[in-house]
Amino acid sequence: MVNGYSLDPHPRASFAKEQFAVVRIPRIKRDRVPAASVEVVKDLDTAIAQSDPDNKYYAAKVAGPARSSEGTMLFYLLEMY
């Protein structure tokens, strides 16, 4: 459960994973972002190296992907760097 959201309610579903990523977001105060705005990378150092805050690309730890109630694939922001 992340921020009160169940990521995988079915017991046989594969679980959303915590991973490092570079996310493009218009403002930092968000709980979740569309999967199209997330580029998963291998580690935190890579995420930090590829981040570009001036152009709204931030290094983050995310959980996902998970399907929203509207059917959109999302990643949940766990931590921003």
N, C-alpha and C. Protein backbone atom coordinates (compact mmCIF):
# COMPACT_ATOMS: atom_id res chain seq x y z
N MET A 1 0.85 -1.17 0.00
CA MET A 1 0.00 0.00 0.00
C MET A 1 0.90 1.24 0.00
N VAL A 2 0.64 2.17 -0.90
CA VAL A 2 1.39 3.41 -1.02
C VAL A 2 0.42 4.57 -0.91
N ASN A 3 0.65 5.44 0.06
CA ASN A 3 -0.20 6.62 0.26
C ASN A 3 -1.69 6.26 0.29
N GLY A 4 -2.01 5.10 0.86
CA GLY A 4 -3.41 4.70 0.96
C GLY A 4 -3.96 4.01 -0.27
N TYR A 5 -3.13 3.85 -1.32
CA TYR A 5 -3.58 3.19 -2.55
C TYR A 5 -3.08 1.75 -2.56
N SER A 6 -3.96 0.82 -2.86
CA SER A 6 -3.56 -0.57 -3.02
C SER A 6 -3.04 -0.75 -4.44
N LEU A 7 -1.78 -1.16 -4.57
CA LEU A 7 -1.19 -1.28 -5.89
C LEU A 7 -1.56 -2.57 -6.59
N ASP A 8 -1.77 -3.64 -5.86
CA ASP A 8 -2.12 -4.93 -6.45
C ASP A 8 -3.14 -5.63 -5.55
N PRO A 9 -4.42 -5.36 -5.76
CA PRO A 9 -5.43 -5.93 -4.88
C PRO A 9 -5.65 -7.43 -5.05
N HIS A 10 -5.30 -8.00 -6.17
CA HIS A 10 -5.51 -9.43 -6.41
C HIS A 10 -4.32 -10.21 -5.85
N PRO A 11 -4.57 -11.26 -5.06
CA PRO A 11 -3.45 -11.98 -4.41
C PRO A 11 -2.48 -12.66 -5.38
N ARG A 12 -2.90 -12.98 -6.59
CA ARG A 12 -2.00 -13.62 -7.55
C ARG A 12 -1.37 -12.62 -8.52
N ALA A 13 -1.65 -11.37 -8.34
CA ALA A 13 -1.09 -10.34 -9.23
C ALA A 13 0.39 -10.14 -8.92
N SER A 14 1.15 -9.77 -9.93
CA SER A 14 2.56 -9.46 -9.67
C SER A 14 2.61 -8.09 -9.01
N PHE A 15 3.48 -7.94 -8.05
CA PHE A 15 3.54 -6.72 -7.26
C PHE A 15 4.29 -5.62 -7.97
N ALA A 16 3.83 -4.41 -7.77
CA ALA A 16 4.53 -3.24 -8.28
C ALA A 16 5.87 -3.18 -7.55
N LYS A 17 6.89 -2.76 -8.27
CA LYS A 17 8.24 -2.76 -7.71
C LYS A 17 8.69 -1.34 -7.38
N GLU A 18 9.52 -1.24 -6.35
CA GLU A 18 10.20 0.02 -6.07
C GLU A 18 11.42 0.07 -6.96
N GLN A 19 11.59 1.19 -7.68
CA GLN A 19 12.70 1.33 -8.60
C GLN A 19 13.12 2.79 -8.66
N PHE A 20 14.31 3.02 -9.16
CA PHE A 20 14.77 4.39 -9.37
C PHE A 20 14.40 4.81 -10.78
N ALA A 21 14.13 6.11 -10.94
CA ALA A 21 13.68 6.61 -12.23
C ALA A 21 13.98 8.09 -12.36
N VAL A 22 13.87 8.55 -13.59
CA VAL A 22 13.86 9.97 -13.88
C VAL A 22 12.42 10.28 -14.29
N VAL A 23 11.79 11.22 -13.58
CA VAL A 23 10.40 11.56 -13.86
C VAL A 23 10.30 12.99 -14.35
N ARG A 24 9.41 13.20 -15.31
CA ARG A 24 9.15 14.55 -15.81
C ARG A 24 7.82 14.99 -15.23
N ILE A 25 7.89 16.00 -14.35
CA ILE A 25 6.68 16.49 -13.71
C ILE A 25 6.69 18.02 -13.72
N PRO A 26 5.52 18.62 -13.94
CA PRO A 26 5.45 20.08 -13.98
C PRO A 26 5.65 20.73 -12.62
N ARG A 27 5.28 20.03 -11.56
CA ARG A 27 5.50 20.56 -10.21
C ARG A 27 5.86 19.39 -9.29
N ILE A 28 6.66 19.67 -8.31
CA ILE A 28 7.20 18.61 -7.46
C ILE A 28 6.15 18.00 -6.53
N LYS A 29 5.17 18.74 -6.12
CA LYS A 29 4.20 18.25 -5.14
C LYS A 29 3.14 17.37 -5.80
N ARG A 30 3.54 16.17 -6.18
CA ARG A 30 2.61 15.20 -6.76
C ARG A 30 2.82 13.86 -6.07
N ASP A 31 1.75 13.06 -5.99
CA ASP A 31 1.85 11.73 -5.40
C ASP A 31 2.08 10.66 -6.45
N ARG A 32 1.59 10.91 -7.65
CA ARG A 32 1.68 9.91 -8.71
C ARG A 32 1.83 10.59 -10.06
N VAL A 33 2.42 9.86 -11.00
CA VAL A 33 2.65 10.40 -12.34
C VAL A 33 2.31 9.34 -13.38
N PRO A 34 1.89 9.75 -14.57
CA PRO A 34 1.60 8.79 -15.64
C PRO A 34 2.88 8.04 -16.04
N ALA A 35 2.72 6.79 -16.43
CA ALA A 35 3.86 5.96 -16.81
C ALA A 35 4.65 6.58 -17.97
N ALA A 36 3.99 7.34 -18.84
CA ALA A 36 4.67 7.96 -19.97
C ALA A 36 5.66 9.03 -19.52
N SER A 37 5.55 9.50 -18.28
CA SER A 37 6.45 10.53 -17.76
C SER A 37 7.58 9.95 -16.92
N VAL A 38 7.73 8.63 -16.93
CA VAL A 38 8.72 7.95 -16.09
C VAL A 38 9.68 7.15 -16.95
N GLU A 39 10.98 7.33 -16.70
CA GLU A 39 12.00 6.49 -17.32
C GLU A 39 12.73 5.76 -16.21
N VAL A 40 12.50 4.45 -16.10
CA VAL A 40 13.13 3.64 -15.07
C VAL A 40 14.60 3.47 -15.43
N VAL A 41 15.47 3.61 -14.43
CA VAL A 41 16.92 3.45 -14.61
C VAL A 41 17.43 2.42 -13.61
N LYS A 42 18.70 2.01 -13.78
CA LYS A 42 19.21 0.89 -12.97
C LYS A 42 19.52 1.24 -11.52
N ASP A 43 19.90 2.50 -11.23
CA ASP A 43 20.24 2.85 -9.85
C ASP A 43 20.10 4.34 -9.61
N LEU A 44 20.26 4.73 -8.36
CA LEU A 44 20.10 6.13 -7.97
C LEU A 44 21.13 7.03 -8.64
N ASP A 45 22.37 6.57 -8.74
CA ASP A 45 23.41 7.39 -9.37
C ASP A 45 23.06 7.74 -10.81
N THR A 46 22.52 6.77 -11.54
CA THR A 46 22.10 7.02 -12.93
C THR A 46 20.95 8.02 -12.97
N ALA A 47 20.00 7.86 -12.07
CA ALA A 47 18.85 8.78 -12.02
C ALA A 47 19.31 10.21 -11.74
N ILE A 48 20.23 10.36 -10.81
CA ILE A 48 20.74 11.69 -10.47
C ILE A 48 21.51 12.28 -11.65
N ALA A 49 22.32 11.45 -12.31
CA ALA A 49 23.11 11.93 -13.45
C ALA A 49 22.21 12.38 -14.61
N GLN A 50 21.07 11.72 -14.80
CA GLN A 50 20.18 12.05 -15.92
C GLN A 50 19.14 13.11 -15.57
N SER A 51 19.05 13.48 -14.30
CA SER A 51 18.06 14.49 -13.91
C SER A 51 18.45 15.86 -14.44
N ASP A 52 17.45 16.69 -14.67
CA ASP A 52 17.65 18.05 -15.18
C ASP A 52 16.52 18.92 -14.63
N PRO A 53 16.65 19.37 -13.37
CA PRO A 53 15.57 20.12 -12.74
C PRO A 53 15.15 21.38 -13.51
N ASP A 54 16.07 22.01 -14.23
CA ASP A 54 15.70 23.21 -15.01
C ASP A 54 14.67 22.90 -16.08
N ASN A 55 14.67 21.65 -16.57
CA ASN A 55 13.70 21.22 -17.58
C ASN A 55 12.65 20.26 -17.00
N LYS A 56 12.55 20.25 -15.66
CA LYS A 56 11.52 19.49 -14.94
C LYS A 56 11.71 17.98 -14.99
N TYR A 57 12.95 17.50 -15.08
CA TYR A 57 13.28 16.08 -14.97
C TYR A 57 13.95 15.87 -13.62
N TYR A 58 13.38 15.00 -12.80
CA TYR A 58 13.86 14.80 -11.44
C TYR A 58 14.18 13.33 -11.19
N ALA A 59 15.21 13.09 -10.37
CA ALA A 59 15.53 11.74 -9.92
C ALA A 59 14.56 11.39 -8.80
N ALA A 60 14.06 10.14 -8.82
CA ALA A 60 13.07 9.74 -7.82
C ALA A 60 13.11 8.23 -7.61
N LYS A 61 12.58 7.82 -6.46
CA LYS A 61 12.28 6.41 -6.23
C LYS A 61 10.79 6.28 -6.43
N VAL A 62 10.36 5.34 -7.27
CA VAL A 62 8.96 5.17 -7.61
C VAL A 62 8.50 3.75 -7.33
N ALA A 63 7.20 3.58 -7.22
CA ALA A 63 6.59 2.25 -7.12
C ALA A 63 5.62 2.12 -8.27
N GLY A 64 5.71 1.01 -8.97
CA GLY A 64 4.79 0.82 -10.08
C GLY A 64 5.39 -0.05 -11.15
N PRO A 65 4.74 -0.12 -12.27
CA PRO A 65 3.51 0.58 -12.62
C PRO A 65 2.29 -0.07 -11.99
N ALA A 66 1.25 0.71 -11.85
CA ALA A 66 -0.02 0.24 -11.31
C ALA A 66 -1.14 0.90 -12.11
N ARG A 67 -2.22 0.17 -12.28
CA ARG A 67 -3.36 0.70 -13.04
C ARG A 67 -4.26 1.49 -12.09
N SER A 68 -4.60 2.71 -12.49
CA SER A 68 -5.50 3.54 -11.68
C SER A 68 -6.94 3.07 -11.89
N SER A 69 -7.84 3.62 -11.10
CA SER A 69 -9.25 3.26 -11.25
C SER A 69 -9.81 3.71 -12.59
N GLU A 70 -9.15 4.70 -13.21
CA GLU A 70 -9.56 5.17 -14.54
C GLU A 70 -8.93 4.35 -15.67
N GLY A 71 -8.06 3.40 -15.32
CA GLY A 71 -7.43 2.57 -16.33
C GLY A 71 -6.09 3.08 -16.82
N THR A 72 -5.58 4.15 -16.25
CA THR A 72 -4.30 4.73 -16.65
C THR A 72 -3.17 4.04 -15.88
N MET A 73 -2.05 3.80 -16.53
CA MET A 73 -0.89 3.24 -15.85
C MET A 73 -0.14 4.36 -15.16
N LEU A 74 0.13 4.17 -13.86
CA LEU A 74 0.75 5.20 -13.03
C LEU A 74 1.95 4.66 -12.28
N PHE A 75 2.82 5.58 -11.89
CA PHE A 75 3.88 5.30 -10.94
C PHE A 75 3.63 6.20 -9.74
N TYR A 76 3.84 5.69 -8.54
CA TYR A 76 3.70 6.47 -7.31
C TYR A 76 5.07 6.96 -6.88
N LEU A 77 5.17 8.24 -6.58
CA LEU A 77 6.43 8.82 -6.12
C LEU A 77 6.64 8.51 -4.65
N LEU A 78 7.74 7.83 -4.35
CA LEU A 78 8.05 7.50 -2.97
C LEU A 78 9.03 8.48 -2.35
N GLU A 79 10.00 8.91 -3.18
CA GLU A 79 11.02 9.83 -2.70
C GLU A 79 11.62 10.59 -3.88
N MET A 80 11.87 11.87 -3.68
CA MET A 80 12.49 12.70 -4.70
C MET A 80 13.91 13.03 -4.26
N TYR A 81 14.83 13.12 -5.22
CA TYR A 81 16.24 13.42 -4.90
C TYR A 81 16.69 14.68 -5.58
